[in-house]
Amino acid sequence: KAEKLGNFPPSLTYWLEFIEHYNDSA
């Protein structure tokens, strides 16, 4: 549900990105 909400502070958005896409180097 996190991506659908999307209204997070930038730091939390970066951590969500890391957790979901840590294996995508680019």
mmCIF file of all heavy atoms, coordinates in Angstrom:
data_MODEL
# 
_entry.id   MODEL 
# 
loop_
_atom_site.group_PDB 
_atom_site.id 
_atom_site.type_symbol 
_atom_site.label_atom_id 
_atom_site.label_alt_id 
_atom_site.label_comp_id 
_atom_site.label_asym_id 
_atom_site.label_entity_id 
_atom_site.label_seq_id 
_atom_site.pdbx_PDB_ins_code 
_atom_site.Cartn_x 
_atom_site.Cartn_y 
_atom_site.Cartn_z 
_atom_site.occupancy 
_atom_site.B_iso_or_equiv 
_atom_site.pdbx_formal_charge 
_atom_site.auth_seq_id 
_atom_site.auth_comp_id 
_atom_site.auth_asym_id 
_atom_site.auth_atom_id 
_atom_site.pdbx_PDB_model_num 
ATOM 1   N N   . LYS A 1 1  ? 0.803  -1.212 0.000   1.00 0.00 ? 1  LYS A N   1 
ATOM 2   C CA  . LYS A 1 1  ? 0.000  0.000  0.000   1.00 0.00 ? 1  LYS A CA  1 
ATOM 3   C C   . LYS A 1 1  ? 0.846  1.276  0.000   1.00 0.00 ? 1  LYS A C   1 
ATOM 4   O O   . LYS A 1 1  ? 0.352  2.353  -0.294  1.00 0.00 ? 1  LYS A O   1 
ATOM 5   C CB  . LYS A 1 1  ? -0.919 0.026  1.222   1.00 0.00 ? 1  LYS A CB  1 
ATOM 6   C CG  . LYS A 1 1  ? -1.953 -1.070 1.211   1.00 0.00 ? 1  LYS A CG  1 
ATOM 7   C CD  . LYS A 1 1  ? -2.804 -1.007 2.451   1.00 0.00 ? 1  LYS A CD  1 
ATOM 8   C CE  . LYS A 1 1  ? -3.814 -2.125 2.467   1.00 0.00 ? 1  LYS A CE  1 
ATOM 9   N NZ  . LYS A 1 1  ? -4.596 -2.111 3.707   1.00 0.00 ? 1  LYS A NZ  1 
ATOM 10  N N   . ALA A 1 2  ? 2.111  1.165  0.337   1.00 0.00 ? 2  ALA A N   1 
ATOM 11  C CA  . ALA A 1 2  ? 2.962  2.341  0.511   1.00 0.00 ? 2  ALA A CA  1 
ATOM 12  C C   . ALA A 1 2  ? 3.069  3.180  -0.751  1.00 0.00 ? 2  ALA A C   1 
ATOM 13  O O   . ALA A 1 2  ? 2.962  4.404  -0.692  1.00 0.00 ? 2  ALA A O   1 
ATOM 14  C CB  . ALA A 1 2  ? 4.353  1.923  0.983   1.00 0.00 ? 2  ALA A CB  1 
ATOM 15  N N   . GLU A 1 3  ? 3.263  2.532  -1.906  1.00 0.00 ? 3  GLU A N   1 
ATOM 16  C CA  . GLU A 1 3  ? 3.401  3.295  -3.149  1.00 0.00 ? 3  GLU A CA  1 
ATOM 17  C C   . GLU A 1 3  ? 2.121  4.035  -3.503  1.00 0.00 ? 3  GLU A C   1 
ATOM 18  O O   . GLU A 1 3  ? 2.152  5.110  -4.069  1.00 0.00 ? 3  GLU A O   1 
ATOM 19  C CB  . GLU A 1 3  ? 3.811  2.376  -4.295  1.00 0.00 ? 3  GLU A CB  1 
ATOM 20  C CG  . GLU A 1 3  ? 5.288  2.097  -4.321  1.00 0.00 ? 3  GLU A CG  1 
ATOM 21  C CD  . GLU A 1 3  ? 5.705  1.344  -5.575  1.00 0.00 ? 3  GLU A CD  1 
ATOM 22  O OE1 . GLU A 1 3  ? 4.977  1.365  -6.584  1.00 0.00 ? 3  GLU A OE1 1 
ATOM 23  O OE2 . GLU A 1 3  ? 6.777  0.728  -5.527  1.00 0.00 ? 3  GLU A OE2 1 
ATOM 24  N N   . LYS A 1 4  ? 0.985  3.465  -3.151  1.00 0.00 ? 4  LYS A N   1 
ATOM 25  C CA  . LYS A 1 4  ? -0.295 4.101  -3.467  1.00 0.00 ? 4  LYS A CA  1 
ATOM 26  C C   . LYS A 1 4  ? -0.513 5.359  -2.633  1.00 0.00 ? 4  LYS A C   1 
ATOM 27  O O   . LYS A 1 4  ? -1.114 6.315  -3.094  1.00 0.00 ? 4  LYS A O   1 
ATOM 28  C CB  . LYS A 1 4  ? -1.440 3.124  -3.240  1.00 0.00 ? 4  LYS A CB  1 
ATOM 29  C CG  . LYS A 1 4  ? -1.427 1.954  -4.188  1.00 0.00 ? 4  LYS A CG  1 
ATOM 30  C CD  . LYS A 1 4  ? -2.512 0.971  -3.859  1.00 0.00 ? 4  LYS A CD  1 
ATOM 31  C CE  . LYS A 1 4  ? -2.356 -0.264 -4.729  1.00 0.00 ? 4  LYS A CE  1 
ATOM 32  N NZ  . LYS A 1 4  ? -3.237 -1.340 -4.308  1.00 0.00 ? 4  LYS A NZ  1 
ATOM 33  N N   . LEU A 1 5  ? -0.008 5.349  -1.404  1.00 0.00 ? 5  LEU A N   1 
ATOM 34  C CA  . LEU A 1 5  ? -0.178 6.513  -0.535  1.00 0.00 ? 5  LEU A CA  1 
ATOM 35  C C   . LEU A 1 5  ? 0.729  7.649  -0.977  1.00 0.00 ? 5  LEU A C   1 
ATOM 36  O O   . LEU A 1 5  ? 0.289  8.756  -1.183  1.00 0.00 ? 5  LEU A O   1 
ATOM 37  C CB  . LEU A 1 5  ? 0.097  6.139  0.924   1.00 0.00 ? 5  LEU A CB  1 
ATOM 38  C CG  . LEU A 1 5  ? -0.843 5.112  1.525   1.00 0.00 ? 5  LEU A CG  1 
ATOM 39  C CD1 . LEU A 1 5  ? -0.362 4.723  2.907   1.00 0.00 ? 5  LEU A CD1 1 
ATOM 40  C CD2 . LEU A 1 5  ? -2.255 5.638  1.579   1.00 0.00 ? 5  LEU A CD2 1 
ATOM 41  N N   . GLY A 1 6  ? 2.018  7.366  -1.052  1.00 0.00 ? 6  GLY A N   1 
ATOM 42  C CA  . GLY A 1 6  ? 2.986  8.264  -1.637  1.00 0.00 ? 6  GLY A CA  1 
ATOM 43  C C   . GLY A 1 6  ? 3.206  9.634  -1.036  1.00 0.00 ? 6  GLY A C   1 
ATOM 44  O O   . GLY A 1 6  ? 3.981  10.396 -1.551  1.00 0.00 ? 6  GLY A O   1 
ATOM 45  N N   . ASN A 1 7  ? 2.563  9.990  0.043   1.00 0.00 ? 7  ASN A N   1 
ATOM 46  C CA  . ASN A 1 7  ? 2.735  11.317 0.610   1.00 0.00 ? 7  ASN A CA  1 
ATOM 47  C C   . ASN A 1 7  ? 3.588  11.237 1.878   1.00 0.00 ? 7  ASN A C   1 
ATOM 48  O O   . ASN A 1 7  ? 3.118  11.484 2.971   1.00 0.00 ? 7  ASN A O   1 
ATOM 49  C CB  . ASN A 1 7  ? 1.362  11.935 0.915   1.00 0.00 ? 7  ASN A CB  1 
ATOM 50  C CG  . ASN A 1 7  ? 1.462  13.405 1.226   1.00 0.00 ? 7  ASN A CG  1 
ATOM 51  O OD1 . ASN A 1 7  ? 2.457  14.046 0.939   1.00 0.00 ? 7  ASN A OD1 1 
ATOM 52  N ND2 . ASN A 1 7  ? 0.421  13.948 1.822   1.00 0.00 ? 7  ASN A ND2 1 
ATOM 53  N N   . PHE A 1 8  ? 4.862  10.881 1.702   1.00 0.00 ? 8  PHE A N   1 
ATOM 54  C CA  . PHE A 1 8  ? 5.774  10.692 2.821   1.00 0.00 ? 8  PHE A CA  1 
ATOM 55  C C   . PHE A 1 8  ? 6.876  11.738 2.790   1.00 0.00 ? 8  PHE A C   1 
ATOM 56  O O   . PHE A 1 8  ? 7.176  12.304 1.735   1.00 0.00 ? 8  PHE A O   1 
ATOM 57  C CB  . PHE A 1 8  ? 6.430  9.308  2.754   1.00 0.00 ? 8  PHE A CB  1 
ATOM 58  C CG  . PHE A 1 8  ? 5.452  8.176  2.801   1.00 0.00 ? 8  PHE A CG  1 
ATOM 59  C CD1 . PHE A 1 8  ? 5.303  7.321  1.727   1.00 0.00 ? 8  PHE A CD1 1 
ATOM 60  C CD2 . PHE A 1 8  ? 4.682  7.953  3.922   1.00 0.00 ? 8  PHE A CD2 1 
ATOM 61  C CE1 . PHE A 1 8  ? 4.413  6.273  1.771   1.00 0.00 ? 8  PHE A CE1 1 
ATOM 62  C CE2 . PHE A 1 8  ? 3.780  6.897  3.984   1.00 0.00 ? 8  PHE A CE2 1 
ATOM 63  C CZ  . PHE A 1 8  ? 3.656  6.059  2.897   1.00 0.00 ? 8  PHE A CZ  1 
ATOM 64  N N   . PRO A 1 9  ? 7.539  11.955 3.913   1.00 0.00 ? 9  PRO A N   1 
ATOM 65  C CA  . PRO A 1 9  ? 8.726  12.819 3.905   1.00 0.00 ? 9  PRO A CA  1 
ATOM 66  C C   . PRO A 1 9  ? 9.773  12.207 2.966   1.00 0.00 ? 9  PRO A C   1 
ATOM 67  O O   . PRO A 1 9  ? 9.820  10.977 2.809   1.00 0.00 ? 9  PRO A O   1 
ATOM 68  C CB  . PRO A 1 9  ? 9.218  12.792 5.347   1.00 0.00 ? 9  PRO A CB  1 
ATOM 69  C CG  . PRO A 1 9  ? 8.169  12.135 6.150   1.00 0.00 ? 9  PRO A CG  1 
ATOM 70  C CD  . PRO A 1 9  ? 7.249  11.413 5.222   1.00 0.00 ? 9  PRO A CD  1 
ATOM 71  N N   . PRO A 1 10 ? 10.616 13.026 2.352   1.00 0.00 ? 10 PRO A N   1 
ATOM 72  C CA  . PRO A 1 10 ? 11.608 12.499 1.404   1.00 0.00 ? 10 PRO A CA  1 
ATOM 73  C C   . PRO A 1 10 ? 12.474 11.383 1.984   1.00 0.00 ? 10 PRO A C   1 
ATOM 74  O O   . PRO A 1 10 ? 12.724 10.379 1.309   1.00 0.00 ? 10 PRO A O   1 
ATOM 75  C CB  . PRO A 1 10 ? 12.451 13.717 1.042   1.00 0.00 ? 10 PRO A CB  1 
ATOM 76  C CG  . PRO A 1 10 ? 11.544 14.871 1.273   1.00 0.00 ? 10 PRO A CG  1 
ATOM 77  C CD  . PRO A 1 10 ? 10.661 14.475 2.428   1.00 0.00 ? 10 PRO A CD  1 
ATOM 78  N N   . SER A 1 11 ? 12.909 11.514 3.222   1.00 0.00 ? 11 SER A N   1 
ATOM 79  C CA  . SER A 1 11 ? 13.782 10.479 3.788   1.00 0.00 ? 11 SER A CA  1 
ATOM 80  C C   . SER A 1 11 ? 13.071 9.132  3.840   1.00 0.00 ? 11 SER A C   1 
ATOM 81  O O   . SER A 1 11 ? 13.660 8.101  3.519   1.00 0.00 ? 11 SER A O   1 
ATOM 82  C CB  . SER A 1 11 ? 14.263 10.881 5.179   1.00 0.00 ? 11 SER A CB  1 
ATOM 83  O OG  . SER A 1 11 ? 13.167 11.095 6.045   1.00 0.00 ? 11 SER A OG  1 
ATOM 84  N N   . LEU A 1 12 ? 11.802 9.113  4.190   1.00 0.00 ? 12 LEU A N   1 
ATOM 85  C CA  . LEU A 1 12 ? 11.052 7.857  4.239   1.00 0.00 ? 12 LEU A CA  1 
ATOM 86  C C   . LEU A 1 12 ? 10.835 7.306  2.833   1.00 0.00 ? 12 LEU A C   1 
ATOM 87  O O   . LEU A 1 12 ? 10.905 6.102  2.604   1.00 0.00 ? 12 LEU A O   1 
ATOM 88  C CB  . LEU A 1 12 ? 9.723  8.054  4.960   1.00 0.00 ? 12 LEU A CB  1 
ATOM 89  C CG  . LEU A 1 12 ? 8.870  6.805  5.148   1.00 0.00 ? 12 LEU A CG  1 
ATOM 90  C CD1 . LEU A 1 12 ? 9.643  5.697  5.857   1.00 0.00 ? 12 LEU A CD1 1 
ATOM 91  C CD2 . LEU A 1 12 ? 7.609  7.147  5.913   1.00 0.00 ? 12 LEU A CD2 1 
ATOM 92  N N   . THR A 1 13 ? 10.599 8.187  1.887   1.00 0.00 ? 13 THR A N   1 
ATOM 93  C CA  . THR A 1 13 ? 10.447 7.764  0.492   1.00 0.00 ? 13 THR A CA  1 
ATOM 94  C C   . THR A 1 13 ? 11.712 7.080  0.006   1.00 0.00 ? 13 THR A C   1 
ATOM 95  O O   . THR A 1 13 ? 11.648 6.044  -0.663  1.00 0.00 ? 13 THR A O   1 
ATOM 96  C CB  . THR A 1 13 ? 10.123 8.976  -0.402  1.00 0.00 ? 13 THR A CB  1 
ATOM 97  O OG1 . THR A 1 13 ? 8.929  9.584  0.079   1.00 0.00 ? 13 THR A OG1 1 
ATOM 98  C CG2 . THR A 1 13 ? 9.943  8.570  -1.849  1.00 0.00 ? 13 THR A CG2 1 
ATOM 99  N N   . TYR A 1 14 ? 12.886 7.613  0.361   1.00 0.00 ? 14 TYR A N   1 
ATOM 100 C CA  . TYR A 1 14 ? 14.154 6.989  -0.033  1.00 0.00 ? 14 TYR A CA  1 
ATOM 101 C C   . TYR A 1 14 ? 14.308 5.613  0.596   1.00 0.00 ? 14 TYR A C   1 
ATOM 102 O O   . TYR A 1 14 ? 14.766 4.668  -0.049  1.00 0.00 ? 14 TYR A O   1 
ATOM 103 C CB  . TYR A 1 14 ? 15.340 7.866  0.359   1.00 0.00 ? 14 TYR A CB  1 
ATOM 104 C CG  . TYR A 1 14 ? 15.399 9.185  -0.370  1.00 0.00 ? 14 TYR A CG  1 
ATOM 105 C CD1 . TYR A 1 14 ? 15.724 10.347 0.302   1.00 0.00 ? 14 TYR A CD1 1 
ATOM 106 C CD2 . TYR A 1 14 ? 15.130 9.278  -1.730  1.00 0.00 ? 14 TYR A CD2 1 
ATOM 107 C CE1 . TYR A 1 14 ? 15.787 11.565 -0.352  1.00 0.00 ? 14 TYR A CE1 1 
ATOM 108 C CE2 . TYR A 1 14 ? 15.186 10.489 -2.392  1.00 0.00 ? 14 TYR A CE2 1 
ATOM 109 C CZ  . TYR A 1 14 ? 15.518 11.627 -1.701  1.00 0.00 ? 14 TYR A CZ  1 
ATOM 110 O OH  . TYR A 1 14 ? 15.587 12.830 -2.357  1.00 0.00 ? 14 TYR A OH  1 
ATOM 111 N N   . TRP A 1 15 ? 13.920 5.471  1.866   1.00 0.00 ? 15 TRP A N   1 
ATOM 112 C CA  . TRP A 1 15 ? 14.021 4.169  2.527   1.00 0.00 ? 15 TRP A CA  1 
ATOM 113 C C   . TRP A 1 15 ? 13.059 3.158  1.898   1.00 0.00 ? 15 TRP A C   1 
ATOM 114 O O   . TRP A 1 15 ? 13.421 1.992  1.720   1.00 0.00 ? 15 TRP A O   1 
ATOM 115 C CB  . TRP A 1 15 ? 13.767 4.288  4.027   1.00 0.00 ? 15 TRP A CB  1 
ATOM 116 C CG  . TRP A 1 15 ? 14.981 4.792  4.746   1.00 0.00 ? 15 TRP A CG  1 
ATOM 117 C CD1 . TRP A 1 15 ? 15.110 5.972  5.408   1.00 0.00 ? 15 TRP A CD1 1 
ATOM 118 C CD2 . TRP A 1 15 ? 16.244 4.142  4.861   1.00 0.00 ? 15 TRP A CD2 1 
ATOM 119 N NE1 . TRP A 1 15 ? 16.370 6.095  5.922   1.00 0.00 ? 15 TRP A NE1 1 
ATOM 120 C CE2 . TRP A 1 15 ? 17.097 4.981  5.606   1.00 0.00 ? 15 TRP A CE2 1 
ATOM 121 C CE3 . TRP A 1 15 ? 16.757 2.933  4.402   1.00 0.00 ? 15 TRP A CE3 1 
ATOM 122 C CZ2 . TRP A 1 15 ? 18.414 4.646  5.902   1.00 0.00 ? 15 TRP A CZ2 1 
ATOM 123 C CZ3 . TRP A 1 15 ? 18.064 2.594  4.696   1.00 0.00 ? 15 TRP A CZ3 1 
ATOM 124 C CH2 . TRP A 1 15 ? 18.885 3.443  5.437   1.00 0.00 ? 15 TRP A CH2 1 
ATOM 125 N N   . LEU A 1 16 ? 11.863 3.589  1.551   1.00 0.00 ? 16 LEU A N   1 
ATOM 126 C CA  . LEU A 1 16 ? 10.926 2.685  0.877   1.00 0.00 ? 16 LEU A CA  1 
ATOM 127 C C   . LEU A 1 16 ? 11.504 2.228  -0.458  1.00 0.00 ? 16 LEU A C   1 
ATOM 128 O O   . LEU A 1 16 ? 11.413 1.050  -0.815  1.00 0.00 ? 16 LEU A O   1 
ATOM 129 C CB  . LEU A 1 16 ? 9.581  3.369  0.657   1.00 0.00 ? 16 LEU A CB  1 
ATOM 130 C CG  . LEU A 1 16 ? 8.726  3.568  1.896   1.00 0.00 ? 16 LEU A CG  1 
ATOM 131 C CD1 . LEU A 1 16 ? 7.547  4.477  1.583   1.00 0.00 ? 16 LEU A CD1 1 
ATOM 132 C CD2 . LEU A 1 16 ? 8.255  2.246  2.449   1.00 0.00 ? 16 LEU A CD2 1 
ATOM 133 N N   . GLU A 1 17 ? 12.091 3.151  -1.172  1.00 0.00 ? 17 GLU A N   1 
ATOM 134 C CA  . GLU A 1 17 ? 12.721 2.833  -2.455  1.00 0.00 ? 17 GLU A CA  1 
ATOM 135 C C   . GLU A 1 17 ? 13.835 1.806  -2.250  1.00 0.00 ? 17 GLU A C   1 
ATOM 136 O O   . GLU A 1 17 ? 13.960 0.837  -2.996  1.00 0.00 ? 17 GLU A O   1 
ATOM 137 C CB  . GLU A 1 17 ? 13.287 4.128  -3.059  1.00 0.00 ? 17 GLU A CB  1 
ATOM 138 C CG  . GLU A 1 17 ? 13.799 3.984  -4.446  1.00 0.00 ? 17 GLU A CG  1 
ATOM 139 C CD  . GLU A 1 17 ? 12.711 4.170  -5.484  1.00 0.00 ? 17 GLU A CD  1 
ATOM 140 O OE1 . GLU A 1 17 ? 11.564 4.483  -5.133  1.00 0.00 ? 17 GLU A OE1 1 
ATOM 141 O OE2 . GLU A 1 17 ? 13.032 3.982  -6.663  1.00 0.00 ? 17 GLU A OE2 1 
ATOM 142 N N   . PHE A 1 18 ? 14.633 2.009  -1.224  1.00 0.00 ? 18 PHE A N   1 
ATOM 143 C CA  . PHE A 1 18 ? 15.725 1.084  -0.904  1.00 0.00 ? 18 PHE A CA  1 
ATOM 144 C C   . PHE A 1 18 ? 15.190 -0.315 -0.589  1.00 0.00 ? 18 PHE A C   1 
ATOM 145 O O   . PHE A 1 18 ? 15.679 -1.315 -1.118  1.00 0.00 ? 18 PHE A O   1 
ATOM 146 C CB  . PHE A 1 18 ? 16.526 1.624  0.279   1.00 0.00 ? 18 PHE A CB  1 
ATOM 147 C CG  . PHE A 1 18 ? 17.538 0.661  0.821   1.00 0.00 ? 18 PHE A CG  1 
ATOM 148 C CD1 . PHE A 1 18 ? 18.705 0.403  0.130   1.00 0.00 ? 18 PHE A CD1 1 
ATOM 149 C CD2 . PHE A 1 18 ? 17.321 0.018  2.029   1.00 0.00 ? 18 PHE A CD2 1 
ATOM 150 C CE1 . PHE A 1 18 ? 19.650 -0.488 0.630   1.00 0.00 ? 18 PHE A CE1 1 
ATOM 151 C CE2 . PHE A 1 18 ? 18.254 -0.860 2.544   1.00 0.00 ? 18 PHE A CE2 1 
ATOM 152 C CZ  . PHE A 1 18 ? 19.416 -1.115 1.837   1.00 0.00 ? 18 PHE A CZ  1 
ATOM 153 N N   . ILE A 1 19 ? 14.187 -0.389 0.256   1.00 0.00 ? 19 ILE A N   1 
ATOM 154 C CA  . ILE A 1 19 ? 13.646 -1.680 0.676   1.00 0.00 ? 19 ILE A CA  1 
ATOM 155 C C   . ILE A 1 19 ? 13.060 -2.448 -0.515  1.00 0.00 ? 19 ILE A C   1 
ATOM 156 O O   . ILE A 1 19 ? 13.255 -3.654 -0.643  1.00 0.00 ? 19 ILE A O   1 
ATOM 157 C CB  . ILE A 1 19 ? 12.587 -1.488 1.779   1.00 0.00 ? 19 ILE A CB  1 
ATOM 158 C CG1 . ILE A 1 19 ? 13.269 -1.010 3.061   1.00 0.00 ? 19 ILE A CG1 1 
ATOM 159 C CG2 . ILE A 1 19 ? 11.801 -2.767 2.025   1.00 0.00 ? 19 ILE A CG2 1 
ATOM 160 C CD1 . ILE A 1 19 ? 12.315 -0.476 4.111   1.00 0.00 ? 19 ILE A CD1 1 
ATOM 161 N N   . GLU A 1 20 ? 12.395 -1.751 -1.394  1.00 0.00 ? 20 GLU A N   1 
ATOM 162 C CA  . GLU A 1 20 ? 11.747 -2.412 -2.524  1.00 0.00 ? 20 GLU A CA  1 
ATOM 163 C C   . GLU A 1 20 ? 12.675 -2.660 -3.714  1.00 0.00 ? 20 GLU A C   1 
ATOM 164 O O   . GLU A 1 20 ? 12.463 -3.602 -4.466  1.00 0.00 ? 20 GLU A O   1 
ATOM 165 C CB  . GLU A 1 20 ? 10.551 -1.592 -3.000  1.00 0.00 ? 20 GLU A CB  1 
ATOM 166 C CG  . GLU A 1 20 ? 9.407  -1.591 -2.004  1.00 0.00 ? 20 GLU A CG  1 
ATOM 167 C CD  . GLU A 1 20 ? 8.160  -0.998 -2.590  1.00 0.00 ? 20 GLU A CD  1 
ATOM 168 O OE1 . GLU A 1 20 ? 7.489  -1.701 -3.377  1.00 0.00 ? 20 GLU A OE1 1 
ATOM 169 O OE2 . GLU A 1 20 ? 7.867  0.167  -2.271  1.00 0.00 ? 20 GLU A OE2 1 
ATOM 170 N N   . HIS A 1 21 ? 13.688 -1.819 -3.897  1.00 0.00 ? 21 HIS A N   1 
ATOM 171 C CA  . HIS A 1 21 ? 14.476 -1.877 -5.135  1.00 0.00 ? 21 HIS A CA  1 
ATOM 172 C C   . HIS A 1 21 ? 15.990 -1.910 -4.880  1.00 0.00 ? 21 HIS A C   1 
ATOM 173 O O   . HIS A 1 21 ? 16.754 -1.448 -5.720  1.00 0.00 ? 21 HIS A O   1 
ATOM 174 C CB  . HIS A 1 21 ? 14.132 -0.679 -6.023  1.00 0.00 ? 21 HIS A CB  1 
ATOM 175 C CG  . HIS A 1 21 ? 12.682 -0.565 -6.316  1.00 0.00 ? 21 HIS A CG  1 
ATOM 176 N ND1 . HIS A 1 21 ? 12.010 -1.409 -7.169  1.00 0.00 ? 21 HIS A ND1 1 
ATOM 177 C CD2 . HIS A 1 21 ? 11.740 0.293  -5.829  1.00 0.00 ? 21 HIS A CD2 1 
ATOM 178 C CE1 . HIS A 1 21 ? 10.734 -1.075 -7.217  1.00 0.00 ? 21 HIS A CE1 1 
ATOM 179 N NE2 . HIS A 1 21 ? 10.545 -0.046 -6.411  1.00 0.00 ? 21 HIS A NE2 1 
ATOM 180 N N   . TYR A 1 22 ? 16.408 -2.463 -3.753  1.00 0.00 ? 22 TYR A N   1 
ATOM 181 C CA  . TYR A 1 22 ? 17.836 -2.466 -3.412  1.00 0.00 ? 22 TYR A CA  1 
ATOM 182 C C   . TYR A 1 22 ? 18.697 -3.173 -4.455  1.00 0.00 ? 22 TYR A C   1 
ATOM 183 O O   . TYR A 1 22 ? 19.880 -2.896 -4.576  1.00 0.00 ? 22 TYR A O   1 
ATOM 184 C CB  . TYR A 1 22 ? 18.067 -3.105 -2.035  1.00 0.00 ? 22 TYR A CB  1 
ATOM 185 C CG  . TYR A 1 22 ? 17.752 -4.576 -2.008  1.00 0.00 ? 22 TYR A CG  1 
ATOM 186 C CD1 . TYR A 1 22 ? 18.729 -5.521 -2.294  1.00 0.00 ? 22 TYR A CD1 1 
ATOM 187 C CD2 . TYR A 1 22 ? 16.471 -5.024 -1.734  1.00 0.00 ? 22 TYR A CD2 1 
ATOM 188 C CE1 . TYR A 1 22 ? 18.438 -6.869 -2.293  1.00 0.00 ? 22 TYR A CE1 1 
ATOM 189 C CE2 . TYR A 1 22 ? 16.173 -6.360 -1.729  1.00 0.00 ? 22 TYR A CE2 1 
ATOM 190 C CZ  . TYR A 1 22 ? 17.162 -7.286 -2.013  1.00 0.00 ? 22 TYR A CZ  1 
ATOM 191 O OH  . TYR A 1 22 ? 16.870 -8.614 -2.008  1.00 0.00 ? 22 TYR A OH  1 
ATOM 192 N N   . ASN A 1 23 ? 18.114 -4.091 -5.227  1.00 0.00 ? 23 ASN A N   1 
ATOM 193 C CA  . ASN A 1 23 ? 18.898 -4.823 -6.217  1.00 0.00 ? 23 ASN A CA  1 
ATOM 194 C C   . ASN A 1 23 ? 18.954 -4.139 -7.583  1.00 0.00 ? 23 ASN A C   1 
ATOM 195 O O   . ASN A 1 23 ? 19.550 -4.663 -8.506  1.00 0.00 ? 23 ASN A O   1 
ATOM 196 C CB  . ASN A 1 23 ? 18.370 -6.246 -6.355  1.00 0.00 ? 23 ASN A CB  1 
ATOM 197 C CG  . ASN A 1 23 ? 16.911 -6.291 -6.748  1.00 0.00 ? 23 ASN A CG  1 
ATOM 198 O OD1 . ASN A 1 23 ? 16.222 -5.272 -6.711  1.00 0.00 ? 23 ASN A OD1 1 
ATOM 199 N ND2 . ASN A 1 23 ? 16.426 -7.458 -7.105  1.00 0.00 ? 23 ASN A ND2 1 
ATOM 200 N N   . ASP A 1 24 ? 18.375 -2.970 -7.716  1.00 0.00 ? 24 ASP A N   1 
ATOM 201 C CA  . ASP A 1 24 ? 18.407 -2.198 -8.957  1.00 0.00 ? 24 ASP A CA  1 
ATOM 202 C C   . ASP A 1 24 ? 19.466 -1.101 -8.813  1.00 0.00 ? 24 ASP A C   1 
ATOM 203 O O   . ASP A 1 24 ? 19.203 -0.026 -8.282  1.00 0.00 ? 24 ASP A O   1 
ATOM 204 C CB  . ASP A 1 24 ? 17.027 -1.601 -9.221  1.00 0.00 ? 24 ASP A CB  1 
ATOM 205 C CG  . ASP A 1 24 ? 16.937 -0.824 -10.526 1.00 0.00 ? 24 ASP A CG  1 
ATOM 206 O OD1 . ASP A 1 24 ? 17.995 -0.465 -11.094 1.00 0.00 ? 24 ASP A OD1 1 
ATOM 207 O OD2 . ASP A 1 24 ? 15.802 -0.555 -10.958 1.00 0.00 ? 24 ASP A OD2 1 
ATOM 208 N N   . SER A 1 25 ? 20.675 -1.386 -9.281  1.00 0.00 ? 25 SER A N   1 
ATOM 209 C CA  . SER A 1 25 ? 21.815 -0.475 -9.088  1.00 0.00 ? 25 SER A CA  1 
ATOM 210 C C   . SER A 1 25 ? 21.561 0.915  -9.639  1.00 0.00 ? 25 SER A C   1 
ATOM 211 O O   . SER A 1 25 ? 21.886 1.910  -8.989  1.00 0.00 ? 25 SER A O   1 
ATOM 212 C CB  . SER A 1 25 ? 23.071 -1.047 -9.741  1.00 0.00 ? 25 SER A CB  1 
ATOM 213 O OG  . SER A 1 25 ? 23.439 -2.231 -9.091  1.00 0.00 ? 25 SER A OG  1 
ATOM 214 N N   . ALA A 1 26 ? 20.994 0.999  -10.846 1.00 0.00 ? 26 ALA A N   1 
ATOM 215 C CA  . ALA A 1 26 ? 20.751 2.313  -11.452 1.00 0.00 ? 26 ALA A CA  1 
ATOM 216 C C   . ALA A 1 26 ? 19.801 3.131  -10.583 1.00 0.00 ? 26 ALA A C   1 
ATOM 217 O O   . ALA A 1 26 ? 20.028 4.327  -10.347 1.00 0.00 ? 26 ALA A O   1 
ATOM 218 C CB  . ALA A 1 26 ? 20.184 2.151  -12.853 1.00 0.00 ? 26 ALA A CB  1 
# 
